[in-house]
Amino acid sequence: MKCVKASMRAGIFISLTVAALLVAQVAHSDSHACSAERPYPRGVSACDRCPWEETLAAYQSGSLSTVRKSKIFNHVLRVSVVCDVGRPVDIEDLYEKIHATERVFESVLGKTIRKEDGIGVVLEVISGVCDVDDEMDDCVAYTVCREGGVGYGCDVSSGQSFMHSGGVATHAAIVPYLPKDTWWWIPSNRYANLQHEFSHILDYTYFKNYREREKDTNWWVEGLPQYMQSKVLKDQLSWDRGNDEAGLQEIFDHSSNTSDYYDGMRVFAFLDTYHPHLLDVLARQVQAGVYRDSSSHQVWQSLLQEIAKRHDSHYREVVTNGELFSRAIMSSP
């Protein structure tokens, strides 16, 4: 669930076309052994079934990927499936979950999204599983998360997102395909934190927030994707977490008693429901650059302080007692 800056080789991706890309499964080797220089961290069984060198080469070639135009925005979607040993990932299901996240993202922030910002941008979701001795995350993390792949040395047991901050961009969300039918998040969701991680790269693309993650924007950075995920999945666990007693200013200030994920999510829900015009104002400030100069940061600080001053009592009321945030209403179907 972390947002990590990593360099990418975007040229590899941009040259790929929809017609040329077909999903292919990596050939499995019965004799391949992990090299001493690049071992899997928890044993060799996953390496035997999904050797990282061959997998990385196949990923770089594009043979593990499909590309489609977003149904809503101007960016391109690239879905890559790696190491789906014995459990083929349903590509159509994965695309539908991505589209569902885009629909919710537009419904919340559509007034401030500049769709032209997606032109020339590839948003990638990488999934897959190698269900060998419970080493499901190793296969993804230690194949595409290598030099020449997406990132380097990443831990994606729950999911992770990466962005390329220059020029024509490729942003990637890596989400393990869960090998069991139940998980800590929601039984029907088998793509880890797909909605959360994909919302990160939507944020990177249309609000550029990765360039200025500081104390007083942390609630946005993690609260936005958590709110997107909670709306798509209608999950209960997100609403069971966080601090019911924290006020708006504490959340904006990144106080130690607050959660950027869950309290940030509550702030988004509050603003989206009761004060969408304020959410639009905040979104435009983020787009313009909160830290582009001292005056812009002062405007941001003053805006947060004014929102906290005017709306803190209402926020506390609806978080603790309001029907909107009833756990019965927000529980999973």
C-alpha atoms as a PDB file:
ATOM      1  CA  MET A   1       0.000   0.000   0.000  1.00  0.00           C
ATOM      2  CA  LYS A   2       3.013   2.182  -0.233  1.00  0.00           C
ATOM      3  CA  CYS A   3       3.593   4.820  -2.872  1.00  0.00           C
ATOM      4  CA  VAL A   4       7.230   4.528  -4.030  1.00  0.00           C
ATOM      5  CA  LYS A   5       9.119   6.650  -6.555  1.00  0.00           C
ATOM      6  CA  ALA A   6      11.082   4.512  -8.992  1.00  0.00           C
ATOM      7  CA  SER A   7      12.520   5.106 -12.445  1.00  0.00           C
ATOM      8  CA  MET A   8      11.006   3.246 -15.371  1.00  0.00           C
ATOM      9  CA  ARG A   9      11.916   2.606 -18.949  1.00  0.00           C
ATOM     10  CA  ALA A  10       8.802   4.049 -20.482  1.00  0.00           C
ATOM     11  CA  GLY A  11       9.980   3.576 -24.051  1.00  0.00           C
ATOM     12  CA  ILE A  12       9.582  -0.170 -23.709  1.00  0.00           C
ATOM     13  CA  PHE A  13       5.883   0.252 -23.087  1.00  0.00           C
ATOM     14  CA  ILE A  14       4.896   3.072 -25.418  1.00  0.00           C
ATOM     15  CA  SER A  15       6.029   1.179 -28.530  1.00  0.00           C
ATOM     16  CA  LEU A  16       3.639  -1.669 -27.833  1.00  0.00           C
ATOM     17  CA  THR A  17       0.281  -1.703 -29.627  1.00  0.00           C
ATOM     18  CA  VAL A  18      -3.017  -3.327 -28.828  1.00  0.00           C
ATOM     19  CA  ALA A  19      -2.959  -5.493 -31.930  1.00  0.00           C
ATOM     20  CA  ALA A  20       0.532  -6.791 -31.269  1.00  0.00           C
ATOM     21  CA  LEU A  21       0.078  -7.762 -27.641  1.00  0.00           C
ATOM     22  CA  LEU A  22      -1.166 -11.209 -26.682  1.00  0.00           C
ATOM     23  CA  VAL A  23      -1.268 -12.766 -23.258  1.00  0.00           C
ATOM     24  CA  ALA A  24       1.193 -15.612 -22.948  1.00  0.00           C
ATOM     25  CA  GLN A  25       2.202 -17.751 -20.034  1.00  0.00           C
ATOM     26  CA  VAL A  26       5.836 -18.182 -19.125  1.00  0.00           C
ATOM     27  CA  ALA A  27       7.173 -21.622 -19.820  1.00  0.00           C
ATOM     28  CA  HIS A  28       7.895 -23.394 -16.566  1.00  0.00           C
ATOM     29  CA  SER A  29      11.262 -24.933 -15.956  1.00  0.00           C
ATOM     30  CA  ASP A  30      11.640 -28.083 -13.925  1.00  0.00           C
ATOM     31  CA  SER A  31      15.372 -27.695 -13.554  1.00  0.00           C
ATOM     32  CA  HIS A  32      15.919 -23.968 -13.165  1.00  0.00           C
ATOM     33  CA  ALA A  33      17.680 -23.010  -9.972  1.00  0.00           C
ATOM     34  CA  CYS A  34      17.940 -19.601  -8.372  1.00  0.00           C
ATOM     35  CA  SER A  35      21.275 -17.919  -8.904  1.00  0.00           C
ATOM     36  CA  ALA A  36      23.363 -17.067  -5.868  1.00  0.00           C
ATOM     37  CA  GLU A  37      23.289 -13.397  -6.867  1.00  0.00           C
ATOM     38  CA  ARG A  38      19.517 -13.109  -7.224  1.00  0.00           C
ATOM     39  CA  PRO A  39      17.837 -15.721  -5.026  1.00  0.00           C
ATOM     40  CA  TYR A  40      14.223 -15.752  -3.989  1.00  0.00           C
ATOM     41  CA  PRO A  41      14.061 -14.763  -0.322  1.00  0.00           C
ATOM     42  CA  ARG A  42      12.003 -17.682   0.946  1.00  0.00           C
ATOM     43  CA  GLY A  43      13.358 -20.686  -0.865  1.00  0.00           C
ATOM     44  CA  VAL A  44      13.770 -22.063  -4.367  1.00  0.00           C
ATOM     45  CA  SER A  45      10.430 -23.728  -5.113  1.00  0.00           C
ATOM     46  CA  ALA A  46       8.927 -20.573  -6.604  1.00  0.00           C
ATOM     47  CA  CYS A  47      12.056 -20.033  -8.648  1.00  0.00           C
ATOM     48  CA  ASP A  48      11.803 -23.537 -10.066  1.00  0.00           C
ATOM     49  CA  ARG A  49       8.273 -22.888 -11.271  1.00  0.00           C
ATOM     50  CA  CYS A  50       8.669 -19.254 -12.305  1.00  0.00           C
ATOM     51  CA  PRO A  51      12.321 -18.397 -13.031  1.00  0.00           C
ATOM     52  CA  TRP A  52      12.821 -14.670 -12.741  1.00  0.00           C
ATOM     53  CA  GLU A  53      15.216 -14.226 -15.692  1.00  0.00           C
ATOM     54  CA  GLU A  54      12.845 -15.829 -18.183  1.00  0.00           C
ATOM     55  CA  THR A  55       9.847 -14.086 -16.671  1.00  0.00           C
ATOM     56  CA  LEU A  56      11.503 -10.670 -16.795  1.00  0.00           C
ATOM     57  CA  ALA A  57      12.521 -11.228 -20.423  1.00  0.00           C
ATOM     58  CA  ALA A  58       8.987 -12.252 -21.355  1.00  0.00           C
ATOM     59  CA  TYR A  59       7.576  -9.236 -19.541  1.00  0.00           C
ATOM     60  CA  GLN A  60       9.966  -6.869 -21.329  1.00  0.00           C
ATOM     61  CA  SER A  61       9.014  -8.365 -24.692  1.00  0.00           C
ATOM     62  CA  GLY A  62       5.354  -7.578 -24.100  1.00  0.00           C
ATOM     63  CA  SER A  63       4.241 -11.183 -24.445  1.00  0.00           C
ATOM     64  CA  LEU A  64       2.696 -11.165 -20.970  1.00  0.00           C
ATOM     65  CA  SER A  65       0.611  -8.049 -21.593  1.00  0.00           C
ATOM     66  CA  THR A  66      -2.518  -6.706 -23.245  1.00  0.00           C
ATOM     67  CA  VAL A  67      -3.218  -3.048 -23.955  1.00  0.00           C
ATOM     68  CA  ARG A  68      -6.546  -1.253 -24.237  1.00  0.00           C
ATOM     69  CA  LYS A  69      -7.753   2.332 -24.281  1.00  0.00           C
ATOM     70  CA  SER A  70      -9.469   3.456 -21.105  1.00  0.00           C
ATOM     71  CA  LYS A  71     -13.252   3.657 -21.480  1.00  0.00           C
ATOM     72  CA  ILE A  72     -13.362   6.916 -19.520  1.00  0.00           C
ATOM     73  CA  PHE A  73     -10.020   8.722 -19.751  1.00  0.00           C
ATOM     74  CA  ASN A  74      -7.408   9.354 -22.439  1.00  0.00           C
ATOM     75  CA  HIS A  75      -4.711   7.148 -20.975  1.00  0.00           C
ATOM     76  CA  VAL A  76      -3.951   3.622 -22.124  1.00  0.00           C
ATOM     77  CA  LEU A  77      -4.350   0.606 -19.859  1.00  0.00           C
ATOM     78  CA  ARG A  78      -1.783  -2.144 -19.897  1.00  0.00           C
ATOM     79  CA  VAL A  79      -2.523  -5.349 -17.988  1.00  0.00           C
ATOM     80  CA  SER A  80       0.361  -7.748 -17.453  1.00  0.00           C
ATOM     81  CA  VAL A  81      -0.032 -11.189 -15.931  1.00  0.00           C
ATOM     82  CA  VAL A  82       3.100 -12.869 -14.630  1.00  0.00           C
ATOM     83  CA  CYS A  83       3.688 -16.218 -12.980  1.00  0.00           C
ATOM     84  CA  ASP A  84       0.065 -17.318 -12.853  1.00  0.00           C
ATOM     85  CA  VAL A  85       1.155 -20.874 -12.150  1.00  0.00           C
ATOM     86  CA  GLY A  86      -1.837 -23.187 -12.157  1.00  0.00           C
ATOM     87  CA  ARG A  87      -4.281 -20.308 -11.635  1.00  0.00           C
ATOM     88  CA  PRO A  88      -4.840 -18.321 -14.834  1.00  0.00           C
ATOM     89  CA  VAL A  89      -5.931 -14.767 -14.109  1.00  0.00           C
ATOM     90  CA  ASP A  90      -9.217 -13.733 -15.733  1.00  0.00           C
ATOM     91  CA  ILE A  91      -8.115 -10.776 -17.869  1.00  0.00           C
ATOM     92  CA  GLU A  92     -11.664  -9.566 -18.501  1.00  0.00           C
ATOM     93  CA  ASP A  93     -12.427  -9.627 -14.784  1.00  0.00           C
ATOM     94  CA  LEU A  94      -9.275  -7.653 -14.051  1.00  0.00           C
ATOM     95  CA  TYR A  95     -10.091  -5.041 -16.701  1.00  0.00           C
ATOM     96  CA  GLU A  96     -13.630  -4.703 -15.347  1.00  0.00           C
ATOM     97  CA  LYS A  97     -12.315  -4.035 -11.843  1.00  0.00           C
ATOM     98  CA  ILE A  98      -9.969  -1.406 -13.267  1.00  0.00           C
ATOM     99  CA  HIS A  99     -12.831   0.239 -15.157  1.00  0.00           C
ATOM    100  CA  ALA A 100     -14.980   0.199 -12.004  1.00  0.00           C
ATOM    101  CA  THR A 101     -12.237   2.090 -10.172  1.00  0.00           C
ATOM    102  CA  GLU A 102     -12.007   4.633 -12.987  1.00  0.00           C
ATOM    103  CA  ARG A 103     -15.768   5.193 -12.884  1.00  0.00           C
ATOM    104  CA  VAL A 104     -15.697   5.915  -9.159  1.00  0.00           C
ATOM    105  CA  PHE A 105     -12.633   8.154  -9.519  1.00  0.00           C
ATOM    106  CA  GLU A 106     -14.433  10.220 -12.158  1.00  0.00           C
ATOM    107  CA  SER A 107     -17.633  10.374 -10.103  1.00  0.00           C
ATOM    108  CA  VAL A 108     -15.740  11.918  -7.177  1.00  0.00           C
ATOM    109  CA  LEU A 109     -13.206  14.168  -8.922  1.00  0.00           C
ATOM    110  CA  GLY A 110     -14.524  14.477 -12.468  1.00  0.00           C
ATOM    111  CA  LYS A 111     -15.029  18.248 -12.285  1.00  0.00           C
ATOM    112  CA  THR A 112     -11.323  18.868 -11.773  1.00  0.00           C
ATOM    113  CA  ILE A 113      -9.782  16.080 -13.852  1.00  0.00           C
ATOM    114  CA  ARG A 114      -8.199  17.304 -17.076  1.00  0.00           C
ATOM    115  CA  LYS A 115      -8.572  14.298 -19.341  1.00  0.00           C
ATOM    116  CA  GLU A 116      -5.961  15.623 -21.743  1.00  0.00           C
ATOM    117  CA  ASP A 117      -3.373  14.918 -19.023  1.00  0.00           C
ATOM    118  CA  GLY A 118      -3.790  11.226 -19.835  1.00  0.00           C
ATOM    119  CA  ILE A 119      -2.684  11.541 -23.461  1.00  0.00           C
ATOM    120  CA  GLY A 120       0.509   9.556 -23.997  1.00  0.00           C
ATOM    121  CA  VAL A 121       0.328   7.950 -20.553  1.00  0.00           C
ATOM    122  CA  VAL A 122       0.267   4.207 -19.939  1.00  0.00           C
ATOM    123  CA  LEU A 123      -1.245   2.984 -16.681  1.00  0.00           C
ATOM    124  CA  GLU A 124      -0.236  -0.574 -15.991  1.00  0.00           C
ATOM    125  CA  VAL A 125      -1.612  -3.183 -13.631  1.00  0.00           C
ATOM    126  CA  ILE A 126       0.622  -6.182 -13.032  1.00  0.00           C
ATOM    127  CA  SER A 127      -0.848  -9.231 -11.376  1.00  0.00           C
ATOM    128  CA  GLY A 128      -0.232 -12.942 -11.095  1.00  0.00           C
ATOM    129  CA  VAL A 129       0.459 -15.638  -8.580  1.00  0.00           C
ATOM    130  CA  CYS A 130       2.814 -18.527  -8.128  1.00  0.00           C
ATOM    131  CA  ASP A 131       1.017 -20.600  -5.519  1.00  0.00           C
ATOM    132  CA  VAL A 132       3.948 -22.692  -4.367  1.00  0.00           C
ATOM    133  CA  ASP A 133       4.435 -23.201  -0.636  1.00  0.00           C
ATOM    134  CA  ASP A 134       2.646 -19.907   0.108  1.00  0.00           C
ATOM    135  CA  GLU A 135       5.246 -17.911  -1.839  1.00  0.00           C
ATOM    136  CA  MET A 136       2.638 -16.109  -3.882  1.00  0.00           C
ATOM    137  CA  ASP A 137       4.212 -12.641  -3.748  1.00  0.00           C
ATOM    138  CA  ASP A 138       7.774 -13.713  -4.482  1.00  0.00           C
ATOM    139  CA  CYS A 139       7.109 -14.436  -8.135  1.00  0.00           C
ATOM    140  CA  VAL A 140       5.829 -10.967  -8.911  1.00  0.00           C
ATOM    141  CA  ALA A 141       8.173  -9.035  -6.663  1.00  0.00           C
ATOM    142  CA  TYR A 142      11.339 -10.793  -7.792  1.00  0.00           C
ATOM    143  CA  THR A 143      10.693 -10.875 -11.522  1.00  0.00           C
ATOM    144  CA  VAL A 144       9.255  -7.577 -12.756  1.00  0.00           C
ATOM    145  CA  CYS A 145      10.651  -5.759  -9.731  1.00  0.00           C
ATOM    146  CA  ARG A 146      14.167  -5.908 -11.101  1.00  0.00           C
ATOM    147  CA  GLU A 147      16.409  -3.593 -13.027  1.00  0.00           C
ATOM    148  CA  GLY A 148      14.945  -3.362 -16.503  1.00  0.00           C
ATOM    149  CA  GLY A 149      11.512  -4.199 -15.169  1.00  0.00           C
ATOM    150  CA  VAL A 150       9.227  -1.895 -13.234  1.00  0.00           C
ATOM    151  CA  GLY A 151      11.166  -1.179 -10.090  1.00  0.00           C
ATOM    152  CA  TYR A 152      13.863  -2.632  -7.927  1.00  0.00           C
ATOM    153  CA  GLY A 153      13.657  -4.524  -4.670  1.00  0.00           C
ATOM    154  CA  CYS A 154       9.965  -3.921  -4.028  1.00  0.00           C
ATOM    155  CA  ASP A 155       7.799  -5.786  -1.539  1.00  0.00           C
ATOM    156  CA  VAL A 156       4.337  -6.257  -3.000  1.00  0.00           C
ATOM    157  CA  SER A 157       2.753  -8.715  -0.588  1.00  0.00           C
ATOM    158  CA  SER A 158      -0.298  -6.430  -0.459  1.00  0.00           C
ATOM    159  CA  GLY A 159       0.379  -4.235  -3.469  1.00  0.00           C
ATOM    160  CA  GLN A 160       2.565  -1.330  -4.466  1.00  0.00           C
ATOM    161  CA  SER A 161       2.550   1.475  -7.001  1.00  0.00           C
ATOM    162  CA  PHE A 162       5.330   3.111  -8.978  1.00  0.00           C
ATOM    163  CA  MET A 163       5.514   6.166 -11.153  1.00  0.00           C
ATOM    164  CA  HIS A 164       7.831   7.608 -13.716  1.00  0.00           C
ATOM    165  CA  SER A 165       7.963  11.343 -13.129  1.00  0.00           C
ATOM    166  CA  GLY A 166       9.365  12.542 -16.408  1.00  0.00           C
ATOM    167  CA  GLY A 167       7.813  13.380 -19.780  1.00  0.00           C
ATOM    168  CA  VAL A 168       5.838  10.544 -21.289  1.00  0.00           C
ATOM    169  CA  ALA A 169       5.025   8.383 -18.324  1.00  0.00           C
ATOM    170  CA  THR A 170       4.252   4.823 -17.438  1.00  0.00           C
ATOM    171  CA  HIS A 171       2.769   4.343 -13.994  1.00  0.00           C
ATOM    172  CA  ALA A 172       2.400   0.829 -12.620  1.00  0.00           C
ATOM    173  CA  ALA A 173       0.389  -0.823  -9.875  1.00  0.00           C
ATOM    174  CA  ILE A 174       1.521  -4.279  -8.811  1.00  0.00           C
ATOM    175  CA  VAL A 175      -1.077  -6.427  -7.076  1.00  0.00           C
ATOM    176  CA  PRO A 176      -0.622 -10.127  -6.287  1.00  0.00           C
ATOM    177  CA  TYR A 177      -3.460 -12.387  -7.362  1.00  0.00           C
ATOM    178  CA  LEU A 178      -4.492 -14.045  -4.125  1.00  0.00           C
ATOM    179  CA  PRO A 179      -4.303 -17.842  -4.287  1.00  0.00           C
ATOM    180  CA  LYS A 180      -7.013 -18.477  -1.718  1.00  0.00           C
ATOM    181  CA  ASP A 181     -10.692 -17.580  -1.784  1.00  0.00           C
ATOM    182  CA  THR A 182     -10.624 -15.580   1.420  1.00  0.00           C
ATOM    183  CA  TRP A 183      -8.369 -12.793   2.557  1.00  0.00           C
ATOM    184  CA  TRP A 184      -8.212 -10.088   5.196  1.00  0.00           C
ATOM    185  CA  TRP A 185      -9.748  -7.481   2.888  1.00  0.00           C
ATOM    186  CA  ILE A 186     -12.909  -8.911   1.273  1.00  0.00           C
ATOM    187  CA  PRO A 187     -13.635 -12.456   0.082  1.00  0.00           C
ATOM    188  CA  SER A 188     -14.699 -11.450  -3.433  1.00  0.00           C
ATOM    189  CA  ASN A 189     -11.587  -9.357  -4.080  1.00  0.00           C
ATOM    190  CA  ARG A 190      -8.689 -11.504  -5.265  1.00  0.00           C
ATOM    191  CA  TYR A 191      -6.402  -8.758  -6.514  1.00  0.00           C
ATOM    192  CA  ALA A 192      -5.029  -7.537  -3.196  1.00  0.00           C
ATOM    193  CA  ASN A 193      -5.229  -3.737  -3.021  1.00  0.00           C
ATOM    194  CA  LEU A 194      -6.019  -3.286  -6.701  1.00  0.00           C
ATOM    195  CA  GLN A 195      -8.400  -0.350  -6.306  1.00  0.00           C
ATOM    196  CA  HIS A 196      -6.097   1.425  -3.849  1.00  0.00           C
ATOM    197  CA  GLU A 197      -2.919   0.992  -5.889  1.00  0.00           C
ATOM    198  CA  PHE A 198      -4.598   1.830  -9.197  1.00  0.00           C
ATOM    199  CA  SER A 199      -6.065   4.983  -7.639  1.00  0.00           C
ATOM    200  CA  HIS A 200      -2.518   6.000  -6.702  1.00  0.00           C
ATOM    201  CA  ILE A 201      -1.496   5.994 -10.347  1.00  0.00           C
ATOM    202  CA  LEU A 202      -4.669   7.825 -11.343  1.00  0.00           C
ATOM    203  CA  ASP A 203      -3.680  10.437  -8.746  1.00  0.00           C
ATOM    204  CA  TYR A 204      -0.140  10.550 -10.167  1.00  0.00           C
ATOM    205  CA  THR A 205      -1.534  11.122 -13.657  1.00  0.00           C
ATOM    206  CA  TYR A 206      -4.286  13.665 -13.070  1.00  0.00           C
ATOM    207  CA  PHE A 207      -3.192  15.450  -9.897  1.00  0.00           C
ATOM    208  CA  LYS A 208       0.609  15.013  -9.957  1.00  0.00           C
ATOM    209  CA  ASN A 209       0.622  14.568  -6.200  1.00  0.00           C
ATOM    210  CA  TYR A 210       3.714  12.353  -6.149  1.00  0.00           C
ATOM    211  CA  ARG A 211       5.896  15.431  -6.626  1.00  0.00           C
ATOM    212  CA  GLU A 212       5.047  16.933  -3.278  1.00  0.00           C
ATOM    213  CA  ARG A 213       4.177  14.428  -0.609  1.00  0.00           C
ATOM    214  CA  GLU A 214       4.642  16.233   2.660  1.00  0.00           C
ATOM    215  CA  LYS A 215       3.081  16.132   6.110  1.00  0.00           C
ATOM    216  CA  ASP A 216       0.027  18.186   5.222  1.00  0.00           C
ATOM    217  CA  THR A 217      -0.748  16.274   2.013  1.00  0.00           C
ATOM    218  CA  ASN A 218      -0.349  12.748   3.396  1.00  0.00           C
ATOM    219  CA  TRP A 219      -4.066  12.547   4.168  1.00  0.00           C
ATOM    220  CA  TRP A 220      -4.737  13.152   0.455  1.00  0.00           C
ATOM    221  CA  VAL A 221      -2.041  10.786  -0.837  1.00  0.00           C
ATOM    222  CA  GLU A 222      -3.353   7.763   1.074  1.00  0.00           C
ATOM    223  CA  GLY A 223      -6.896   8.875   1.897  1.00  0.00           C
ATOM    224  CA  LEU A 224      -7.911   9.312  -1.745  1.00  0.00           C
ATOM    225  CA  PRO A 225      -7.037   5.766  -2.888  1.00  0.00           C
ATOM    226  CA  GLN A 226      -8.439   4.285   0.306  1.00  0.00           C
ATOM    227  CA  TYR A 227     -11.727   6.097  -0.306  1.00  0.00           C
ATOM    228  CA  MET A 228     -11.805   4.857  -3.898  1.00  0.00           C
ATOM    229  CA  GLN A 229     -11.264   1.302  -2.718  1.00  0.00           C
ATOM    230  CA  SER A 230     -13.926   1.583  -0.022  1.00  0.00           C
ATOM    231  CA  LYS A 231     -16.467   2.899  -2.541  1.00  0.00           C
ATOM    232  CA  VAL A 232     -15.759   0.201  -5.110  1.00  0.00           C
ATOM    233  CA  LEU A 233     -15.728  -2.686  -2.644  1.00  0.00           C
ATOM    234  CA  LYS A 234     -18.127  -1.253  -0.041  1.00  0.00           C
ATOM    235  CA  ASP A 235     -15.807  -2.773   2.520  1.00  0.00           C
ATOM    236  CA  GLN A 236     -16.361  -2.770   6.239  1.00  0.00           C
ATOM    237  CA  LEU A 237     -12.815  -3.152   7.512  1.00  0.00           C
ATOM    238  CA  SER A 238     -11.695   0.291   6.345  1.00  0.00           C
ATOM    239  CA  TRP A 239     -14.435   1.871   8.435  1.00  0.00           C
ATOM    240  CA  ASP A 240     -13.531  -0.216  11.463  1.00  0.00           C
ATOM    241  CA  ARG A 241     -10.058   1.357  11.439  1.00  0.00           C
ATOM    242  CA  GLY A 242      -8.774   4.856  11.990  1.00  0.00           C
ATOM    243  CA  ASN A 243      -9.546   7.131  14.920  1.00  0.00           C
ATOM    244  CA  ASP A 244     -13.189   8.097  15.460  1.00  0.00           C
ATOM    245  CA  GLU A 245     -12.111  10.826  17.871  1.00  0.00           C
ATOM    246  CA  ALA A 246      -9.608  12.596  15.610  1.00  0.00           C
ATOM    247  CA  GLY A 247     -10.588  16.032  14.354  1.00  0.00           C
ATOM    248  CA  LEU A 248     -10.015  17.475  10.907  1.00  0.00           C
ATOM    249  CA  GLN A 249      -7.015  19.601  11.874  1.00  0.00           C
ATOM    250  CA  GLU A 250      -5.297  16.619  13.492  1.00  0.00           C
ATOM    251  CA  ILE A 251      -5.766  14.618  10.295  1.00  0.00           C
ATOM    252  CA  PHE A 252      -4.569  17.483   8.093  1.00  0.00           C
ATOM    253  CA  ASP A 253      -1.512  17.894  10.341  1.00  0.00           C
ATOM    254  CA  HIS A 254      -0.574  14.210  10.109  1.00  0.00           C
ATOM    255  CA  SER A 255      -0.814  13.866  13.900  1.00  0.00           C
ATOM    256  CA  SER A 256       0.501  10.683  15.462  1.00  0.00           C
ATOM    257  CA  ASN A 257      -2.966   9.600  16.590  1.00  0.00           C
ATOM    258  CA  THR A 258      -4.352   9.586  13.044  1.00  0.00           C
ATOM    259  CA  SER A 259      -4.119   7.305  10.019  1.00  0.00           C
ATOM    260  CA  ASP A 260      -3.409   8.821   6.610  1.00  0.00           C
ATOM    261  CA  TYR A 261      -5.207   5.836   5.087  1.00  0.00           C
ATOM    262  CA  TYR A 262      -8.367   5.485   7.132  1.00  0.00           C
ATOM    263  CA  ASP A 263      -8.848   8.942   8.630  1.00  0.00           C
ATOM    264  CA  GLY A 264      -7.853  10.441   5.294  1.00  0.00           C
ATOM    265  CA  MET A 265     -10.511   8.222   3.733  1.00  0.00           C
ATOM    266  CA  ARG A 266     -13.097   9.558   6.186  1.00  0.00           C
ATOM    267  CA  VAL A 267     -12.217  13.142   5.270  1.00  0.00           C
ATOM    268  CA  PHE A 268     -12.710  12.346   1.584  1.00  0.00           C
ATOM    269  CA  ALA A 269     -16.053  10.705   2.337  1.00  0.00           C
ATOM    270  CA  PHE A 270     -17.142  13.699   4.409  1.00  0.00           C
ATOM    271  CA  LEU A 271     -16.177  16.269   1.793  1.00  0.00           C
ATOM    272  CA  ASP A 272     -17.521  14.225  -1.111  1.00  0.00           C
ATOM    273  CA  THR A 273     -20.875  13.804   0.630  1.00  0.00           C
ATOM    274  CA  TYR A 274     -21.433  17.148   2.328  1.00  0.00           C
ATOM    275  CA  HIS A 275     -19.058  19.647   0.720  1.00  0.00           C
ATOM    276  CA  PRO A 276     -18.097  18.528  -2.806  1.00  0.00           C
ATOM    277  CA  HIS A 277     -17.345  22.133  -3.768  1.00  0.00           C
ATOM    278  CA  LEU A 278     -14.598  22.219  -1.107  1.00  0.00           C
ATOM    279  CA  LEU A 279     -13.204  18.951  -2.428  1.00  0.00           C
ATOM    280  CA  ASP A 280     -13.051  20.537  -5.885  1.00  0.00           C
ATOM    281  CA  VAL A 281     -11.195  23.546  -4.458  1.00  0.00           C
ATOM    282  CA  LEU A 282      -8.677  21.273  -2.730  1.00  0.00           C
ATOM    283  CA  ALA A 283      -8.244  19.200  -5.886  1.00  0.00           C
ATOM    284  CA  ARG A 284      -7.445  22.283  -7.946  1.00  0.00           C
ATOM    285  CA  GLN A 285      -4.877  23.366  -5.381  1.00  0.00           C
ATOM    286  CA  VAL A 286      -3.207  19.960  -5.581  1.00  0.00           C
ATOM    287  CA  GLN A 287      -3.186  20.129  -9.388  1.00  0.00           C
ATOM    288  CA  ALA A 288      -1.648  23.591  -9.334  1.00  0.00           C
ATOM    289  CA  GLY A 289       1.064  22.495  -6.896  1.00  0.00           C
ATOM    290  CA  VAL A 290       0.767  22.961  -3.174  1.00  0.00           C
ATOM    291  CA  TYR A 291       4.513  23.475  -2.759  1.00  0.00           C
ATOM    292  CA  ARG A 292       5.369  25.306  -5.971  1.00  0.00           C
ATOM    293  CA  ASP A 293       6.247  28.374  -3.868  1.00  0.00           C
ATOM    294  CA  SER A 294       5.765  29.720  -0.350  1.00  0.00           C
ATOM    295  CA  SER A 295       2.569  31.573  -1.197  1.00  0.00           C
ATOM    296  CA  SER A 296       0.905  28.482  -2.687  1.00  0.00           C
ATOM    297  CA  HIS A 297       1.720  26.513   0.444  1.00  0.00           C
ATOM    298  CA  GLN A 298       0.284  29.270   2.589  1.00  0.00           C
ATOM    299  CA  VAL A 299      -2.931  29.174   0.562  1.00  0.00           C
ATOM    300  CA  TRP A 300      -3.118  25.410   1.119  1.00  0.00           C
ATOM    301  CA  GLN A 301      -2.503  25.750   4.839  1.00  0.00           C
ATOM    302  CA  SER A 302      -5.093  28.505   5.183  1.00  0.00           C
ATOM    303  CA  LEU A 303      -7.635  26.468   3.245  1.00  0.00           C
ATOM    304  CA  LEU A 304      -7.162  23.422   5.466  1.00  0.00           C
ATOM    305  CA  GLN A 305      -7.376  25.533   8.609  1.00  0.00           C
ATOM    306  CA  GLU A 306     -10.578  27.199   7.421  1.00  0.00           C
ATOM    307  CA  ILE A 307     -12.183  23.849   6.575  1.00  0.00           C
ATOM    308  CA  ALA A 308     -11.229  22.470   9.989  1.00  0.00           C
ATOM    309  CA  LYS A 309     -12.535  25.560  11.774  1.00  0.00           C
ATOM    310  CA  ARG A 310     -15.878  25.626   9.991  1.00  0.00           C
ATOM    311  CA  HIS A 311     -16.658  21.928   9.678  1.00  0.00           C
ATOM    312  CA  ASP A 312     -14.887  20.030  12.469  1.00  0.00           C
ATOM    313  CA  SER A 313     -17.953  19.638  14.690  1.00  0.00           C
ATOM    314  CA  HIS A 314     -20.055  18.347  11.799  1.00  0.00           C
ATOM    315  CA  TYR A 315     -17.283  15.963  10.776  1.00  0.00           C
ATOM    316  CA  ARG A 316     -16.999  14.526  14.281  1.00  0.00           C
ATOM    317  CA  GLU A 317     -20.768  14.128  14.466  1.00  0.00           C
ATOM    318  CA  VAL A 318     -21.152  12.158  11.246  1.00  0.00           C
ATOM    319  CA  VAL A 319     -18.068  10.029  11.883  1.00  0.00           C
ATOM    320  CA  THR A 320     -19.218   8.933  15.317  1.00  0.00           C
ATOM    321  CA  ASN A 321     -23.002   8.944  15.003  1.00  0.00           C
ATOM    322  CA  GLY A 322     -24.070   9.787  11.478  1.00  0.00           C
ATOM    323  CA  GLU A 323     -26.012   7.301   9.431  1.00  0.00           C
ATOM    324  CA  LEU A 324     -23.772   7.948   6.442  1.00  0.00           C
ATOM    325  CA  PHE A 325     -20.857   6.252   8.156  1.00  0.00           C
ATOM    326  CA  SER A 326     -22.865   3.444   9.719  1.00  0.00           C
ATOM    327  CA  ARG A 327     -20.861   0.258   9.531  1.00  0.00           C
ATOM    328  CA  ALA A 328     -24.039  -1.540   8.564  1.00  0.00           C
ATOM    329  CA  ILE A 329     -24.397   0.679   5.505  1.00  0.00           C
ATOM    330  CA  MET A 330     -20.724   0.450   4.579  1.00  0.00           C
ATOM    331  CA  SER A 331     -20.416  -3.283   5.170  1.00  0.00           C
ATOM    332  CA  SER A 332     -19.539  -5.675   2.392  1.00  0.00           C
ATOM    333  CA  PRO A 333     -22.341  -7.215   0.325  1.00  0.00           C
END
